[in-house]
Each structure stands twice: as structure tokens, then as C-alpha cells.
Amino acid sequence: MRYSKWIVAVVIALNAWFTAAVLYVFLRVGSEPSTLITAWFAFTTGELLALAGIKRKEIGHAIRPIDRKPEGRDDRGTI
């Protein structure tokens, strides 16, 4: 996947921005939006896990061993 590194970098930047925004809101208001925080980090973690699953599946198809006959055997059976 060409854009996976870019997507990971964007998600990390968005998480940093979100954290700074939540800290600012906490300083101004005095309470934290715990449900929003939980939902945000669950969403971004899920996205990164989905991306990792796609990447892992791509790599798995690329390095799957070629079907070969076991050594010491041919089409006639055991030697």
C-alpha cells in the first residue's frame, strides 16, 4: 500500500492535535469529555489496526511459498 505511512503520520498528528485541544478545553472549562476521548482514540486505533491488517494480508500474499513437491518424491510416488 502506497499511502500507509502517510496515513499513519496523519493519524498521529490528529491524535496530538486532539490531545492538545482536549487539554485546552480542560483548562478553560474544568472538566474533561471522557466519552469523546474514548470514542476518538477507539476510532483511530481501529483505523490503524484495519490498515495493519490490510498491509499484513498484502505481505502474506507476496511471500506465500510456491507449491512444490516434497523432496524425495516424484509423480510416481515414494522412492
N, C-alpha and C. Protein backbone atom coordinates (compact mmCIF):
# COMPACT_ATOMS: atom_id res chain seq x y z
N MET A 1 0.84 -1.17 0.00
CA MET A 1 0.00 0.00 0.00
C MET A 1 0.89 1.24 0.00
N ARG A 2 0.64 2.13 -0.91
CA ARG A 2 1.50 3.30 -1.08
C ARG A 2 1.32 4.34 0.00
N TYR A 3 0.11 4.51 0.47
CA TYR A 3 -0.19 5.63 1.36
C TYR A 3 -0.23 5.25 2.84
N SER A 4 0.15 4.05 3.18
CA SER A 4 0.01 3.61 4.57
C SER A 4 0.88 4.44 5.53
N LYS A 5 2.09 4.75 5.15
CA LYS A 5 2.96 5.56 6.01
C LYS A 5 2.40 6.97 6.17
N TRP A 6 1.85 7.51 5.12
CA TRP A 6 1.24 8.83 5.17
C TRP A 6 0.02 8.83 6.09
N ILE A 7 -0.81 7.80 5.99
CA ILE A 7 -2.00 7.69 6.82
C ILE A 7 -1.61 7.58 8.29
N VAL A 8 -0.61 6.78 8.60
CA VAL A 8 -0.16 6.63 9.99
C VAL A 8 0.34 7.97 10.52
N ALA A 9 1.10 8.70 9.72
CA ALA A 9 1.59 10.01 10.16
C ALA A 9 0.45 10.99 10.40
N VAL A 10 -0.56 10.96 9.54
CA VAL A 10 -1.71 11.85 9.72
C VAL A 10 -2.48 11.49 10.98
N VAL A 11 -2.67 10.20 11.24
CA VAL A 11 -3.40 9.78 12.44
C VAL A 11 -2.63 10.20 13.70
N ILE A 12 -1.32 10.08 13.69
CA ILE A 12 -0.53 10.51 14.84
C ILE A 12 -0.64 12.02 15.03
N ALA A 13 -0.58 12.77 13.95
CA ALA A 13 -0.72 14.23 14.04
C ALA A 13 -2.11 14.62 14.55
N LEU A 14 -3.15 13.95 14.06
CA LEU A 14 -4.50 14.23 14.52
C LEU A 14 -4.67 13.89 16.00
N ASN A 15 -4.05 12.80 16.43
CA ASN A 15 -4.12 12.45 17.85
C ASN A 15 -3.42 13.50 18.72
N ALA A 16 -2.30 14.00 18.25
CA ALA A 16 -1.60 15.05 19.00
C ALA A 16 -2.43 16.32 19.04
N TRP A 17 -3.01 16.70 17.91
CA TRP A 17 -3.87 17.88 17.86
C TRP A 17 -5.08 17.70 18.78
N PHE A 18 -5.72 16.54 18.74
CA PHE A 18 -6.89 16.28 19.58
C PHE A 18 -6.51 16.36 21.06
N THR A 19 -5.38 15.80 21.42
CA THR A 19 -4.93 15.85 22.81
C THR A 19 -4.71 17.29 23.26
N ALA A 20 -4.07 18.09 22.42
CA ALA A 20 -3.85 19.50 22.76
C ALA A 20 -5.18 20.24 22.90
N ALA A 21 -6.12 19.95 22.02
CA ALA A 21 -7.43 20.61 22.09
C ALA A 21 -8.18 20.21 23.35
N VAL A 22 -8.11 18.95 23.73
CA VAL A 22 -8.79 18.49 24.94
C VAL A 22 -8.15 19.12 26.18
N LEU A 23 -6.83 19.22 26.20
CA LEU A 23 -6.17 19.86 27.32
C LEU A 23 -6.55 21.34 27.43
N TYR A 24 -6.66 22.02 26.29
CA TYR A 24 -7.07 23.41 26.29
C TYR A 24 -8.50 23.55 26.84
N VAL A 25 -9.40 22.70 26.36
CA VAL A 25 -10.78 22.73 26.84
C VAL A 25 -10.82 22.42 28.34
N PHE A 26 -10.01 21.49 28.78
CA PHE A 26 -9.98 21.15 30.20
C PHE A 26 -9.52 22.35 31.04
N LEU A 27 -8.52 23.07 30.56
CA LEU A 27 -8.05 24.25 31.28
C LEU A 27 -9.11 25.35 31.34
N ARG A 28 -9.87 25.52 30.25
CA ARG A 28 -10.87 26.58 30.19
C ARG A 28 -12.14 26.22 30.96
N VAL A 29 -12.60 24.98 30.83
CA VAL A 29 -13.90 24.58 31.39
C VAL A 29 -13.74 23.91 32.75
N GLY A 30 -12.73 23.09 32.90
CA GLY A 30 -12.50 22.41 34.16
C GLY A 30 -13.03 20.99 34.20
N SER A 31 -13.55 20.49 33.09
CA SER A 31 -13.97 19.09 33.04
C SER A 31 -13.54 18.50 31.70
N GLU A 32 -13.35 17.20 31.72
CA GLU A 32 -12.88 16.53 30.50
C GLU A 32 -14.02 15.77 29.85
N PRO A 33 -14.04 15.75 28.52
CA PRO A 33 -15.06 14.98 27.80
C PRO A 33 -14.61 13.51 27.65
N SER A 34 -14.76 12.74 28.72
CA SER A 34 -14.19 11.38 28.74
C SER A 34 -14.78 10.47 27.67
N THR A 35 -16.08 10.61 27.39
CA THR A 35 -16.70 9.77 26.36
C THR A 35 -16.14 10.11 24.99
N LEU A 36 -15.96 11.39 24.71
CA LEU A 36 -15.40 11.82 23.44
C LEU A 36 -13.96 11.34 23.28
N ILE A 37 -13.19 11.42 24.35
CA ILE A 37 -11.80 10.95 24.33
C ILE A 37 -11.75 9.46 24.03
N THR A 38 -12.59 8.69 24.72
CA THR A 38 -12.64 7.24 24.50
C THR A 38 -13.04 6.92 23.07
N ALA A 39 -14.05 7.60 22.55
CA ALA A 39 -14.51 7.34 21.19
C ALA A 39 -13.44 7.71 20.16
N TRP A 40 -12.77 8.85 20.37
CA TRP A 40 -11.75 9.29 19.41
C TRP A 40 -10.60 8.29 19.32
N PHE A 41 -10.06 7.91 20.47
CA PHE A 41 -8.92 7.00 20.44
C PHE A 41 -9.31 5.58 20.03
N ALA A 42 -10.54 5.17 20.31
CA ALA A 42 -11.01 3.87 19.82
C ALA A 42 -11.12 3.90 18.29
N PHE A 43 -11.61 5.00 17.76
CA PHE A 43 -11.73 5.15 16.30
C PHE A 43 -10.36 5.12 15.62
N THR A 44 -9.43 5.94 16.12
CA THR A 44 -8.12 6.00 15.46
C THR A 44 -7.35 4.68 15.62
N THR A 45 -7.50 4.04 16.77
CA THR A 45 -6.84 2.74 16.96
C THR A 45 -7.43 1.70 16.01
N GLY A 46 -8.74 1.71 15.87
CA GLY A 46 -9.39 0.78 14.94
C GLY A 46 -8.96 1.00 13.51
N GLU A 47 -8.81 2.26 13.11
CA GLU A 47 -8.35 2.56 11.76
C GLU A 47 -6.93 2.05 11.53
N LEU A 48 -6.06 2.26 12.51
CA LEU A 48 -4.68 1.80 12.36
C LEU A 48 -4.60 0.27 12.35
N LEU A 49 -5.43 -0.39 13.16
CA LEU A 49 -5.45 -1.85 13.14
C LEU A 49 -5.99 -2.38 11.81
N ALA A 50 -6.99 -1.72 11.25
CA ALA A 50 -7.51 -2.14 9.94
C ALA A 50 -6.44 -1.96 8.86
N LEU A 51 -5.72 -0.86 8.92
CA LEU A 51 -4.64 -0.62 7.96
C LEU A 51 -3.54 -1.67 8.11
N ALA A 52 -3.23 -2.02 9.36
CA ALA A 52 -2.20 -3.05 9.59
C ALA A 52 -2.67 -4.40 9.07
N GLY A 53 -3.95 -4.69 9.24
CA GLY A 53 -4.48 -5.96 8.72
C GLY A 53 -4.41 -6.03 7.21
N ILE A 54 -4.73 -4.92 6.55
CA ILE A 54 -4.63 -4.87 5.09
C ILE A 54 -3.19 -5.06 4.65
N LYS A 55 -2.28 -4.36 5.31
CA LYS A 55 -0.86 -4.47 4.96
C LYS A 55 -0.34 -5.88 5.18
N ARG A 56 -0.74 -6.47 6.30
CA ARG A 56 -0.29 -7.82 6.60
C ARG A 56 -0.82 -8.83 5.57
N LYS A 57 -2.06 -8.63 5.13
CA LYS A 57 -2.62 -9.52 4.12
C LYS A 57 -1.89 -9.37 2.79
N GLU A 58 -1.55 -8.12 2.43
CA GLU A 58 -0.78 -7.88 1.21
C GLU A 58 0.57 -8.57 1.27
N ILE A 59 1.26 -8.43 2.39
CA ILE A 59 2.58 -9.04 2.54
C ILE A 59 2.46 -10.55 2.54
N GLY A 60 1.42 -11.08 3.17
CA GLY A 60 1.22 -12.54 3.21
C GLY A 60 1.06 -13.13 1.83
N HIS A 61 0.36 -12.43 0.95
CA HIS A 61 0.19 -12.92 -0.42
C HIS A 61 1.49 -12.81 -1.19
N ALA A 62 2.29 -11.84 -0.87
CA ALA A 62 3.53 -11.62 -1.61
C ALA A 62 4.60 -12.66 -1.27
N ILE A 63 4.61 -13.17 -0.03
CA ILE A 63 5.68 -14.09 0.37
C ILE A 63 5.20 -15.52 0.56
N ARG A 64 3.99 -15.81 0.10
CA ARG A 64 3.49 -17.17 0.21
C ARG A 64 4.38 -18.10 -0.60
N PRO A 65 4.82 -19.21 -0.01
CA PRO A 65 5.72 -20.11 -0.74
C PRO A 65 5.01 -20.75 -1.93
N ILE A 66 5.80 -21.00 -2.95
CA ILE A 66 5.27 -21.66 -4.15
C ILE A 66 5.05 -23.13 -3.83
N ASP A 67 3.95 -23.67 -4.33
CA ASP A 67 3.66 -25.08 -4.10
C ASP A 67 4.71 -25.93 -4.81
N ARG A 68 5.45 -26.67 -4.05
CA ARG A 68 6.49 -27.55 -4.59
C ARG A 68 6.27 -28.95 -4.09
N LYS A 69 6.80 -29.89 -4.83
CA LYS A 69 6.72 -31.27 -4.41
C LYS A 69 7.74 -31.51 -3.31
N PRO A 70 7.41 -32.29 -2.31
CA PRO A 70 8.40 -32.60 -1.28
C PRO A 70 9.61 -33.30 -1.89
N GLU A 71 10.78 -33.05 -1.34
CA GLU A 71 11.98 -33.68 -1.87
C GLU A 71 11.92 -35.19 -1.64
N GLY A 72 12.47 -35.94 -2.57
CA GLY A 72 12.49 -37.38 -2.47
C GLY A 72 11.23 -38.02 -3.07
N ARG A 73 10.37 -37.23 -3.65
CA ARG A 73 9.16 -37.75 -4.27
C ARG A 73 9.06 -37.22 -5.70
N ASP A 74 8.44 -37.99 -6.52
CA ASP A 74 8.11 -37.52 -7.85
C ASP A 74 6.68 -37.94 -8.16
N ASP A 75 6.30 -37.87 -9.41
CA ASP A 75 4.93 -38.17 -9.78
C ASP A 75 4.58 -39.64 -9.61
N ARG A 76 5.56 -40.49 -9.48
CA ARG A 76 5.30 -41.93 -9.37
C ARG A 76 5.05 -42.37 -7.94
N GLY A 77 5.26 -41.52 -6.97
CA GLY A 77 5.06 -41.90 -5.58
C GLY A 77 6.36 -41.83 -4.82
N THR A 78 6.46 -42.60 -3.75
CA THR A 78 7.67 -42.56 -2.93
C THR A 78 8.79 -43.30 -3.61
N ILE A 79 10.00 -42.93 -3.28
CA ILE A 79 11.18 -43.57 -3.86
C ILE A 79 11.70 -44.60 -2.89
